[in-house]
């Protein structure tokens, strides 16, 4: 594996593949803080040049965290489709990029190629792409999934109603659900982040959301975002859960900090398959974001973007219904400003889709980050063009419990109108019955009237 080059009369040399991957990355404050990012634009270009000539076989033989030392690496490598891999292993990263961006390469071609890739290959090719490359390539891939309803179908854009409340007040949560539905949000999931994540409260919130779904015959699914072990206990005690949620990361060490292992998630998947209320087959919900491993000091010297790709490789094992990326949620220590968050979001959607996941995006930000609403809306529109399966739906875009900014119910409707998209089919038909959308998918005069659900 050649790790050196000469550009413009200057010699550049890198010690290993991890250094090449880190320095080929676009500027991220997390990489800079760890001292692993490129020192200047010339070094970044040199790293990209070296990376472009490395073969996929060389990358597989040099995982960013050794196979013997890391469960995530083992899950990723053991999950490679060997037939697909043999067809492409001699390609360089530049060859992979050209094949992905070729107008002759179909969605089915990309799906087969993706099955033969490890996460480091996925991250490597994304590092060689421009913003338009990432949007175009991601837009070619369609990864749908089914829990109660199917999301990610061509011509659709779905939303999660996030009816959080600072005291888990049932009336406040239901008010947010009603408002979200009145703007045709909620076809992805009604998902509640609890303040009190005890088993008893988790069960109560599962029951609250499921009773509402059943009463109004809404074709959607529910989720309560307690720790997966708490949700499992709630399901074992009769909670009506459609899917199980968990945050996951790109190293075994970081997953341990989250309190999860592959074995535990295997048990969770088995439980929700046997005792969940949704038919599936996709019954898991994962949340991820660039920089999580750094914030936990569990990065193993690997850059945040590559670790995010590894998170997707790990999540793929469980055939999830939803993977939600929240790279902007951590703060400026990982992604400093709007430019970095936009770039990271485009990378993440592309990497997740190439991995084969049903990706949703939350181009969100915390109030201490150097970003404004325009940056967030630019990211949202680009990701919609790139084919995100879903976004968040948060009352006025301001989560009063988690204290961060995300997409609002109004944003949801606007994006669908701009791009001519509709909700998931079953949900769409029901919302038309309520008179909230017309047959073309546009909001009617009744939209925004939460009293429809009283």
Protein backbone atom coordinates (compact mmCIF):
# COMPACT_ATOMS: atom_id res chain seq x y z
CA UNK A 1 0.00 0.00 0.00
CA UNK A 2 1.60 3.24 -1.18
CA UNK A 3 1.31 5.98 1.46
CA UNK A 4 3.38 8.77 -0.08
CA UNK A 5 3.24 11.16 -3.01
CA UNK A 6 4.87 14.28 -4.42
CA UNK A 7 2.65 17.21 -5.31
CA UNK A 8 3.95 20.52 -6.62
CA UNK A 9 7.48 19.60 -5.68
CA UNK A 10 6.57 18.79 -2.06
CA UNK A 11 6.85 15.23 -0.72
CA UNK A 12 4.03 13.98 1.51
CA UNK A 13 4.16 10.78 3.52
CA UNK A 14 1.61 9.17 5.84
CA UNK A 15 2.31 6.53 8.48
CA UNK A 16 -0.77 4.36 7.93
CA UNK A 17 -4.23 4.19 6.36
CA UNK A 18 -5.89 5.80 9.39
CA UNK A 19 -3.77 8.91 8.93
CA UNK A 20 -4.62 9.02 5.22
CA UNK A 21 -8.36 8.73 5.98
CA UNK A 22 -8.21 11.39 8.69
CA UNK A 23 -6.24 13.90 6.65
CA UNK A 24 -8.29 13.31 3.49
CA UNK A 25 -11.37 14.40 5.44
CA UNK A 26 -12.83 17.86 4.98
CA UNK A 27 -12.08 20.14 7.91
CA UNK A 28 -13.94 19.16 11.09
CA UNK A 29 -13.31 20.71 14.49
CA UNK A 30 -13.36 17.26 16.12
CA UNK A 31 -10.46 16.01 14.00
CA UNK A 32 -8.58 19.25 14.65
CA UNK A 33 -9.13 18.97 18.40
CA UNK A 34 -7.73 15.42 18.34
CA UNK A 35 -4.74 16.53 16.28
CA UNK A 36 -5.44 14.06 13.47
CA UNK A 37 -6.82 16.35 10.76
CA UNK A 38 -4.84 17.82 7.89
CA UNK A 39 -2.55 20.68 8.87
CA UNK A 40 -3.33 22.62 5.69
CA UNK A 41 -5.24 22.32 2.43
CA UNK A 42 -2.14 21.04 0.61
CA UNK A 43 -1.81 18.13 3.02
CA UNK A 44 -5.53 17.40 2.62
CA UNK A 45 -5.13 17.27 -1.16
CA UNK A 46 -2.09 15.00 -0.84
CA UNK A 47 -4.03 12.64 1.43
CA UNK A 48 -6.93 12.54 -1.02
CA UNK A 49 -4.52 11.78 -3.85
CA UNK A 50 -2.94 8.90 -1.92
CA UNK A 51 -6.35 7.60 -0.85
CA UNK A 52 -7.63 7.60 -4.42
CA UNK A 53 -4.99 5.05 -5.48
CA UNK A 54 -5.48 2.60 -2.58
CA UNK A 55 -7.37 -0.57 -3.48
CA UNK A 56 -10.47 -1.79 -1.71
CA UNK A 57 -8.65 -5.00 -0.82
CA UNK A 58 -5.91 -3.00 0.92
CA UNK A 59 -8.55 -1.12 2.90
CA UNK A 60 -10.27 -4.33 3.98
CA UNK A 61 -6.95 -5.76 5.10
CA UNK A 62 -6.30 -2.66 7.24
CA UNK A 63 -9.47 -1.84 9.23
CA UNK A 64 -9.28 1.33 11.27
CA UNK A 65 -9.60 -0.68 14.50
CA UNK A 66 -8.13 -4.22 14.43
CA UNK A 67 -10.53 -7.14 13.95
CA UNK A 68 -9.19 -8.96 17.02
CA UNK A 69 -9.71 -5.93 19.26
CA UNK A 70 -13.09 -4.54 18.24
CA UNK A 71 -16.57 -6.02 17.98
CA UNK A 72 -17.75 -3.36 15.52
CA UNK A 73 -14.95 -4.31 13.13
CA UNK A 74 -15.92 -7.96 13.40
CA UNK A 75 -19.61 -7.25 12.73
CA UNK A 76 -18.70 -5.17 9.67
CA UNK A 77 -16.19 -7.59 8.19
CA UNK A 78 -18.25 -10.70 8.88
CA UNK A 79 -21.22 -9.06 7.17
CA UNK A 80 -19.46 -8.45 3.83
CA UNK A 81 -21.00 -10.28 0.88
CA UNK A 82 -17.96 -12.18 -0.36
CA UNK A 83 -19.26 -12.64 -3.90
CA UNK A 84 -19.79 -8.90 -4.35
CA UNK A 85 -16.45 -8.16 -2.70
CA UNK A 86 -14.50 -10.44 -5.04
CA UNK A 87 -15.87 -8.52 -8.02
CA UNK A 88 -14.63 -5.16 -6.76
CA UNK A 89 -11.66 -5.81 -4.46
CA UNK A 90 -9.11 -4.79 -7.11
CA UNK A 91 -10.78 -1.40 -7.63
CA UNK A 92 -9.10 1.69 -6.26
CA UNK A 93 -11.11 4.19 -4.25
CA UNK A 94 -11.04 6.42 -7.35
CA UNK A 95 -12.50 3.56 -9.41
CA UNK A 96 -15.28 3.13 -6.85
CA UNK A 97 -16.07 6.85 -6.99
CA UNK A 98 -16.26 6.83 -10.78
CA UNK A 99 -18.55 3.78 -10.78
CA UNK A 100 -20.88 5.30 -8.18
CA UNK A 101 -21.15 8.60 -10.06
CA UNK A 102 -21.55 7.04 -13.50
CA UNK A 103 -24.95 7.76 -15.05
CA UNK A 104 -24.92 4.14 -16.22
CA UNK A 105 -24.80 2.79 -12.67
CA UNK A 106 -28.30 1.95 -11.43
CA UNK A 107 -29.75 1.80 -7.92
CA UNK A 108 -29.57 -2.01 -8.09
CA UNK A 109 -25.91 -1.81 -9.13
CA UNK A 110 -25.17 0.39 -6.14
CA UNK A 111 -27.03 -1.94 -3.80
CA UNK A 112 -24.88 -4.87 -4.93
CA UNK A 113 -21.67 -2.85 -4.73
CA UNK A 114 -22.60 -1.68 -1.23
CA UNK A 115 -22.96 -5.27 -0.02
CA UNK A 116 -19.31 -5.88 -0.87
CA UNK A 117 -17.92 -2.85 0.96
CA UNK A 118 -16.55 -2.37 4.45
CA UNK A 119 -17.27 0.89 6.24
CA UNK A 120 -13.76 2.24 5.70
CA UNK A 121 -14.28 1.86 1.93
CA UNK A 122 -17.57 3.74 2.20
CA UNK A 123 -15.93 6.56 4.18
CA UNK A 124 -12.94 6.63 1.83
CA UNK A 125 -14.98 7.19 -1.31
CA UNK A 126 -17.11 9.88 0.39
CA UNK A 127 -13.89 11.80 1.20
CA UNK A 128 -13.21 12.11 -2.53
CA UNK A 129 -16.62 13.58 -3.32
CA UNK A 130 -17.87 17.14 -3.61
CA UNK A 131 -21.17 18.28 -2.17
CA UNK A 132 -22.94 17.78 -5.50
CA UNK A 133 -21.33 14.34 -5.87
CA UNK A 134 -22.74 13.34 -2.48
CA UNK A 135 -26.22 14.64 -3.27
CA UNK A 136 -26.31 13.03 -6.72
CA UNK A 137 -24.98 9.67 -5.56
CA UNK A 138 -27.30 9.51 -2.54
CA UNK A 139 -30.30 10.45 -4.69
CA UNK A 140 -29.75 7.34 -6.83
CA UNK A 141 -30.22 4.97 -3.89
CA UNK A 142 -33.63 4.04 -2.46
CA UNK A 143 -33.68 2.02 0.77
CA UNK A 144 -37.21 1.52 2.07
CA UNK A 145 -38.19 -0.29 5.27
CA UNK A 146 -41.41 -1.56 6.84
CA UNK A 147 -42.52 -1.57 10.48
CA UNK A 148 -46.27 -0.85 10.48
CA UNK A 149 -45.99 1.32 7.37
CA UNK A 150 -43.32 1.45 4.67
CA UNK A 151 -41.13 4.55 4.46
CA UNK A 152 -38.50 5.46 1.88
CA UNK A 153 -40.56 4.66 -1.21
CA UNK A 154 -39.93 6.76 -4.34
CA UNK A 155 -42.03 9.92 -4.33
CA UNK A 156 -42.38 10.03 -0.54
CA UNK A 157 -40.88 12.00 2.34
CA UNK A 158 -41.77 11.04 5.91
CA UNK A 159 -41.51 12.67 9.32
CA UNK A 160 -41.14 11.68 12.93
CA UNK A 161 -43.37 13.59 15.31
CA UNK A 162 -41.12 14.35 18.28
CA UNK A 163 -43.64 15.44 20.95
CA UNK A 164 -41.16 15.88 23.80
CA UNK A 165 -42.25 17.60 27.00
CA UNK A 166 -40.00 18.85 29.84
CA UNK A 167 -42.05 16.96 32.44
CA UNK A 168 -43.45 14.12 30.26
CA UNK A 169 -46.90 15.62 30.75
CA UNK A 170 -49.41 13.46 28.88
CA UNK A 171 -51.60 16.39 27.81
CA UNK A 172 -48.59 18.29 26.50
CA UNK A 173 -47.33 15.26 24.56
CA UNK A 174 -50.76 14.63 23.04
CA UNK A 175 -51.08 18.30 22.08
CA UNK A 176 -47.82 18.04 20.11
CA UNK A 177 -48.95 14.81 18.46
CA UNK A 178 -52.23 16.41 17.39
CA UNK A 179 -50.48 19.46 16.00
CA UNK A 180 -47.96 17.35 14.09
CA UNK A 181 -50.66 15.20 12.53
CA UNK A 182 -52.60 18.31 11.55
CA UNK A 183 -49.63 19.24 9.32
CA UNK A 184 -49.37 15.66 7.96
CA UNK A 185 -46.27 14.79 9.97
CA UNK A 186 -45.86 11.51 11.82
CA UNK A 187 -45.81 8.85 9.12
CA UNK A 188 -42.26 7.79 10.05
CA UNK A 189 -42.93 7.39 13.78
CA UNK A 190 -44.36 9.07 16.84
CA UNK A 191 -41.21 8.99 18.95
CA UNK A 192 -40.96 10.39 22.47
CA UNK A 193 -37.71 11.26 24.28
CA UNK A 194 -38.64 10.75 27.94
CA UNK A 195 -37.35 12.88 30.79
CA UNK A 196 -38.04 10.01 33.20
CA UNK A 197 -36.63 6.91 31.52
CA UNK A 198 -37.77 4.46 34.18
CA UNK A 199 -39.46 1.26 33.07
CA UNK A 200 -42.80 2.42 34.46
CA UNK A 201 -42.75 5.75 32.62
CA UNK A 202 -41.43 4.16 29.43
CA UNK A 203 -44.32 1.71 29.49
CA UNK A 204 -46.77 4.55 30.14
CA UNK A 205 -45.51 6.54 27.14
CA UNK A 206 -45.62 3.50 24.87
CA UNK A 207 -49.22 2.97 25.96
CA UNK A 208 -50.14 6.65 25.58
CA UNK A 209 -48.86 6.87 22.01
CA UNK A 210 -50.21 3.47 20.94
CA UNK A 211 -53.68 4.19 22.37
CA UNK A 212 -53.77 7.43 20.37
CA UNK A 213 -52.63 5.66 17.19
CA UNK A 214 -55.27 2.98 17.66
CA UNK A 215 -58.10 5.36 18.55
CA UNK A 216 -57.60 7.50 15.45
CA UNK A 217 -56.49 4.58 13.24
CA UNK A 218 -53.30 6.36 12.20
CA UNK A 219 -51.06 4.17 9.98
CA UNK A 220 -47.77 4.76 11.80
CA UNK A 221 -45.54 3.35 14.52
CA UNK A 222 -44.51 4.41 18.03
CA UNK A 223 -41.19 4.59 19.87
CA UNK A 224 -39.96 5.70 23.30
CA UNK A 225 -36.29 6.61 23.38
CA UNK A 226 -35.24 5.23 26.76
CA UNK A 227 -32.18 3.01 26.96
CA UNK A 228 -32.80 -0.22 25.06
CA UNK A 229 -32.64 -2.30 28.25
CA UNK A 230 -35.40 -0.19 29.79
CA UNK A 231 -37.54 -0.56 26.68
CA UNK A 232 -36.96 -4.31 26.72
CA UNK A 233 -38.14 -4.49 30.32
CA UNK A 234 -41.19 -2.41 29.43
CA UNK A 235 -42.05 -4.74 26.52
CA UNK A 236 -41.63 -7.76 28.78
CA UNK A 237 -44.16 -6.06 31.09
CA UNK A 238 -46.72 -5.57 28.34
CA UNK A 239 -45.79 -2.23 26.75
CA UNK A 240 -47.18 -1.96 23.18
CA UNK A 241 -43.98 -1.14 21.27
CA UNK A 242 -43.58 -1.11 17.50
CA UNK A 243 -39.79 -0.91 17.55
CA UNK A 244 -36.86 -0.61 19.92
CA UNK A 245 -34.49 2.38 19.91
CA UNK A 246 -30.81 2.75 20.76
CA UNK A 247 -27.92 5.11 20.09
CA UNK A 248 -24.94 3.25 18.59
CA UNK A 249 -21.36 4.15 17.70
CA UNK A 250 -18.40 3.11 15.59
CA UNK A 251 -16.17 1.42 18.15
CA UNK A 252 -16.75 -1.32 20.69
CA UNK A 253 -15.42 1.01 23.37
CA UNK A 254 -17.99 3.71 22.53
CA UNK A 255 -20.84 1.21 22.39
CA UNK A 256 -19.77 -0.01 25.82
CA UNK A 257 -20.06 3.58 27.05
CA UNK A 258 -23.60 3.58 25.65
CA UNK A 259 -24.23 0.34 27.53
CA UNK A 260 -24.74 -1.85 24.47
CA UNK A 261 -23.11 -4.83 22.77
CA UNK A 262 -23.98 -6.83 19.69
CA UNK A 263 -25.23 -9.62 21.95
CA UNK A 264 -27.59 -7.24 23.77
CA UNK A 265 -28.94 -5.85 20.51
CA UNK A 266 -29.38 -9.41 19.21
CA UNK A 267 -31.54 -10.06 22.28
CA UNK A 268 -33.46 -6.81 21.76
CA UNK A 269 -34.18 -7.69 18.14
CA UNK A 270 -35.36 -11.16 19.11
CA UNK A 271 -37.64 -9.71 21.81
CA UNK A 272 -39.29 -7.06 19.62
CA UNK A 273 -39.76 -9.64 16.86
CA UNK A 274 -41.63 -11.92 19.24
CA UNK A 275 -43.45 -9.41 21.48
CA UNK A 276 -43.73 -6.16 19.51
CA UNK A 277 -47.05 -4.95 18.10
CA UNK A 278 -45.78 -4.16 14.59
CA UNK A 279 -45.57 -6.77 11.80
CA UNK A 280 -42.15 -5.59 10.60
CA UNK A 281 -39.83 -7.03 9.42
CA UNK A 282 -37.83 -3.88 10.27
CA UNK A 283 -38.15 -3.31 14.01
CA UNK A 284 -35.09 -1.40 15.24
CA UNK A 285 -34.42 2.35 15.39
CA UNK A 286 -30.85 3.66 15.72
CA UNK A 287 -29.50 7.16 16.26
CA UNK A 288 -25.98 8.17 15.26
CA UNK A 289 -23.81 11.24 14.70
CA UNK A 290 -20.27 12.23 13.77
CA UNK A 291 -18.20 12.94 16.86
CA UNK A 292 -19.99 10.70 19.36
CA UNK A 293 -16.88 8.56 19.85
CA UNK A 294 -14.71 11.65 20.36
CA UNK A 295 -17.07 13.07 22.96
CA UNK A 296 -16.80 9.77 24.85
CA UNK A 297 -12.99 9.54 24.40
CA UNK A 298 -13.56 6.24 22.58
CA UNK A 299 -12.36 7.20 19.09
CA UNK A 300 -9.24 4.98 18.97
CA UNK A 301 -7.44 7.71 16.99
CA UNK A 302 -9.85 7.42 14.06
CA UNK A 303 -11.54 10.43 12.43
CA UNK A 304 -15.21 11.08 13.15
CA UNK A 305 -16.44 10.57 9.60
CA UNK A 306 -14.85 7.12 9.28
CA UNK A 307 -16.26 6.16 12.67
CA UNK A 308 -19.70 7.28 11.54
CA UNK A 309 -19.45 4.97 8.53
CA UNK A 310 -18.50 2.16 10.91
CA UNK A 311 -21.60 2.94 12.97
CA UNK A 312 -23.71 2.29 9.86
CA UNK A 313 -21.88 -0.97 9.21
CA UNK A 314 -22.69 -2.06 12.74
CA UNK A 315 -26.35 -0.97 12.53
CA UNK A 316 -26.84 -2.85 9.25
CA UNK A 317 -26.69 -6.16 11.16
CA UNK A 318 -30.17 -5.48 12.60
CA UNK A 319 -32.04 -4.51 9.40
CA UNK A 320 -33.41 -1.35 11.09
CA UNK A 321 -36.57 0.50 10.17
CA UNK A 322 -34.95 3.85 10.92
CA UNK A 323 -31.45 5.22 11.26
CA UNK A 324 -31.48 8.87 12.30
CA UNK A 325 -28.35 10.96 11.94
CA UNK A 326 -27.93 13.84 14.40
CA UNK A 327 -24.35 14.96 13.72
CA UNK A 328 -25.13 18.56 14.64
CA UNK A 329 -26.49 17.67 18.07
CA UNK A 330 -23.21 17.25 19.95
CA UNK A 331 -21.82 20.76 19.55
CA UNK A 332 -18.97 22.89 18.14
CA UNK A 333 -16.26 20.66 19.59
CA UNK A 334 -17.08 18.10 16.88
CA UNK A 335 -18.62 20.23 14.09
CA UNK A 336 -17.84 23.91 14.57
CA UNK A 337 -20.16 25.76 12.23
CA UNK A 338 -22.84 25.58 9.57
CA UNK A 339 -20.40 24.72 6.79
CA UNK A 340 -19.08 21.71 8.69
CA UNK A 341 -22.56 20.53 9.67
CA UNK A 342 -23.83 20.79 6.08
CA UNK A 343 -20.86 18.79 4.79
CA UNK A 344 -21.12 16.15 7.54
CA UNK A 345 -24.84 15.74 6.93
CA UNK A 346 -24.34 15.14 3.20
CA UNK A 347 -21.55 12.66 3.92
CA UNK A 348 -23.65 10.80 6.46
CA UNK A 349 -26.70 10.40 4.23
CA UNK A 350 -24.58 9.12 1.36
CA UNK A 351 -22.57 6.73 3.55
CA UNK A 352 -25.66 5.34 5.24
CA UNK A 353 -27.48 4.78 1.97
CA UNK A 354 -24.46 3.12 0.34
CA UNK A 355 -24.28 0.83 3.38
CA UNK A 356 -27.86 -0.15 2.60
CA UNK A 357 -29.66 1.62 5.45
CA UNK A 358 -33.02 3.44 5.46
CA UNK A 359 -31.52 6.78 6.43
CA UNK A 360 -33.31 9.71 7.99
CA UNK A 361 -31.65 13.01 8.79
CA UNK A 362 -31.85 15.60 11.53
CA UNK A 363 -29.78 18.56 10.29
CA UNK A 364 -30.02 19.98 13.78
CA UNK A 365 -27.87 22.25 15.92
CA UNK A 366 -27.40 23.36 19.49
CA UNK A 367 -27.54 27.03 20.41
CA UNK A 368 -23.83 27.28 21.27
CA UNK A 369 -22.77 26.26 17.74
CA UNK A 370 -21.70 28.82 15.12
CA UNK A 371 -24.64 28.16 12.80
CA UNK A 372 -27.85 29.95 11.90
CA UNK A 373 -31.27 28.97 10.63
CA UNK A 374 -30.27 29.59 7.00
CA UNK A 375 -27.44 27.04 7.29
CA UNK A 376 -29.83 24.53 8.79
CA UNK A 377 -32.41 25.08 6.06
CA UNK A 378 -29.77 24.78 3.31
CA UNK A 379 -28.74 21.43 4.77
CA UNK A 380 -32.36 20.32 4.98
CA UNK A 381 -33.10 21.18 1.34
CA UNK A 382 -29.94 19.52 0.05
CA UNK A 383 -30.66 16.37 2.04
CA UNK A 384 -34.20 16.29 0.71
CA UNK A 385 -32.80 16.47 -2.84
CA UNK A 386 -30.44 13.65 -1.90
CA UNK A 387 -33.34 11.44 -0.82
CA UNK A 388 -33.48 11.38 2.96
CA UNK A 389 -36.26 8.97 4.01
CA UNK A 390 -37.51 11.26 6.76
CA UNK A 391 -36.86 14.22 9.06
CA UNK A 392 -37.91 15.24 12.54
CA UNK A 393 -41.09 17.16 13.16
CA UNK A 394 -40.62 19.40 16.21
CA UNK A 395 -43.11 22.09 17.29
CA UNK A 396 -41.80 25.38 15.76
CA UNK A 397 -38.45 23.63 15.28
CA UNK A 398 -37.43 24.14 18.94
CA UNK A 399 -37.28 21.09 21.19
CA UNK A 400 -38.33 22.33 24.62
CA UNK A 401 -36.99 19.25 26.40
CA UNK A 402 -33.66 18.63 24.67
CA UNK A 403 -32.98 22.36 23.98
CA UNK A 404 -31.84 22.19 20.36
CA UNK A 405 -33.09 23.31 16.95
CA UNK A 406 -34.47 20.94 14.30
CA UNK A 407 -37.01 20.81 11.47
CA UNK A 408 -40.55 21.97 12.26
CA UNK A 409 -43.94 20.71 11.16
CA UNK A 410 -44.09 23.70 8.79
CA UNK A 411 -40.70 22.76 7.28
CA UNK A 412 -42.04 19.28 6.66
CA UNK A 413 -44.96 20.52 4.59
CA UNK A 414 -42.79 23.01 2.70
CA UNK A 415 -40.23 20.40 1.65
CA UNK A 416 -42.91 18.08 0.34
CA UNK A 417 -44.46 20.90 -1.66
CA UNK A 418 -41.13 22.07 -3.12
CA UNK A 419 -40.20 18.57 -4.30
CA UNK A 420 -43.66 17.23 -5.12
CA UNK A 421 -43.46 14.48 -2.50
CA UNK A 422 -46.13 12.84 -0.36
CA UNK A 423 -46.24 10.93 2.95
CA UNK A 424 -46.04 7.13 3.10
CA UNK A 425 -49.00 5.73 1.09
CA UNK A 426 -51.18 4.34 3.90
CA UNK A 427 -50.65 7.45 6.03
CA UNK A 428 -51.33 9.72 3.06
CA UNK A 429 -54.70 8.11 2.39
CA UNK A 430 -55.72 8.54 6.03
CA UNK A 431 -54.63 12.17 6.20
CA UNK A 432 -56.58 12.91 3.01
CA UNK A 433 -59.64 11.40 4.75
CA UNK A 434 -59.16 13.91 7.58
CA UNK A 435 -59.07 16.69 5.00
CA UNK A 436 -55.56 17.84 5.96
CA UNK A 437 -54.01 17.15 2.53
CA UNK A 438 -55.67 17.14 -0.85
CA UNK A 439 -55.08 14.40 -3.42
CA UNK A 440 -52.06 16.25 -4.82
CA UNK A 441 -50.41 16.21 -1.39
CA UNK A 442 -50.78 19.92 -0.67
CA UNK A 443 -52.07 21.26 2.65
CA UNK A 444 -55.72 22.30 2.75
CA UNK A 445 -57.41 25.07 4.69
CA UNK A 446 -57.98 22.58 7.54
CA UNK A 447 -54.24 21.97 7.99
CA UNK A 448 -52.88 23.12 11.33
CA UNK A 449 -56.19 22.58 13.14
CA UNK A 450 -55.15 20.24 15.97
CA UNK A 451 -58.74 20.07 17.17
CA UNK A 452 -59.36 17.55 14.37
CA UNK A 453 -57.92 14.99 16.80
CA UNK A 454 -60.00 15.93 19.84
